[in-house]
Amino acid sequence: METKYLQKGSQAKIASTGQIVEVKRVSNHGFSVVRFQTGGDYMILNDRLETVEKEEMQH
């Protein structure tokens, strides 16, 4: 995954587990700090994260 797709405040998915996390910080050194929905901030390699496509709502 390229860093340019990760943005502070956006959501990402951990590729191996499918968990959705919030991106707190993105580093130019290949890792990000993410917050799990259950709590806690952790560093994780950017290549272990996938961007989350927001589904368009139909009215």
Protein backbone atom coordinates (compact mmCIF):
# COMPACT_ATOMS: atom_id res chain seq x y z
CA MET A 1 0.00 0.00 0.00
CA GLU A 2 1.28 3.43 -0.83
CA THR A 3 1.31 6.04 1.91
CA LYS A 4 -0.49 8.61 -0.25
CA TYR A 5 -3.76 6.67 0.13
CA LEU A 6 -3.65 6.75 3.92
CA GLN A 7 -4.84 9.97 5.50
CA LYS A 8 -5.02 11.07 9.09
CA GLY A 9 -8.58 10.68 10.37
CA SER A 10 -9.63 8.19 7.69
CA GLN A 11 -10.49 4.55 8.18
CA ALA A 12 -8.39 1.62 7.04
CA LYS A 13 -8.71 -2.15 7.18
CA ILE A 14 -6.02 -4.49 8.48
CA ALA A 15 -5.42 -6.86 5.56
CA SER A 16 -4.79 -10.00 7.62
CA THR A 17 -7.76 -9.71 10.01
CA GLY A 18 -10.26 -7.45 8.28
CA GLN A 19 -10.55 -5.19 11.32
CA ILE A 20 -11.46 -1.57 10.66
CA VAL A 21 -9.20 0.97 12.36
CA GLU A 22 -8.92 4.76 12.44
CA VAL A 23 -5.67 6.24 11.11
CA LYS A 24 -4.23 8.61 13.72
CA ARG A 25 -0.82 9.39 12.14
CA VAL A 26 0.93 8.47 8.89
CA SER A 27 4.73 8.36 8.75
CA ASN A 28 6.94 8.74 5.70
CA HIS A 29 8.99 5.84 7.09
CA GLY A 30 6.51 3.10 6.20
CA PHE A 31 4.24 2.84 9.23
CA SER A 32 1.11 4.41 10.67
CA VAL A 33 -0.39 4.81 14.12
CA VAL A 34 -3.91 3.41 14.18
CA ARG A 35 -6.67 3.26 16.81
CA PHE A 36 -8.73 0.11 17.17
CA GLN A 37 -12.48 0.42 17.73
CA THR A 38 -12.04 -1.45 21.03
CA GLY A 39 -9.46 1.13 22.12
CA GLY A 40 -5.72 1.50 22.03
CA ASP A 41 -3.27 3.06 19.61
CA TYR A 42 -0.73 0.88 17.84
CA MET A 43 1.95 1.24 15.16
CA ILE A 44 1.45 -0.91 12.09
CA LEU A 45 3.27 -1.17 8.76
CA ASN A 46 1.51 0.65 5.90
CA ASP A 47 1.70 -2.40 3.67
CA ARG A 48 -0.50 -4.27 6.19
CA LEU A 49 -3.30 -1.72 5.75
CA GLU A 50 -5.89 -1.34 3.01
CA THR A 51 -8.00 1.71 2.31
CA VAL A 52 -11.70 1.43 3.08
CA GLU A 53 -14.03 2.39 0.25
CA LYS A 54 -17.02 4.26 1.58
CA GLU A 55 -20.21 2.85 0.15
CA GLU A 56 -22.45 5.36 -1.54
CA MET A 57 -25.86 5.66 0.07
CA GLN A 58 -28.81 5.25 -2.22
CA HIS A 59 -31.99 7.16 -1.42
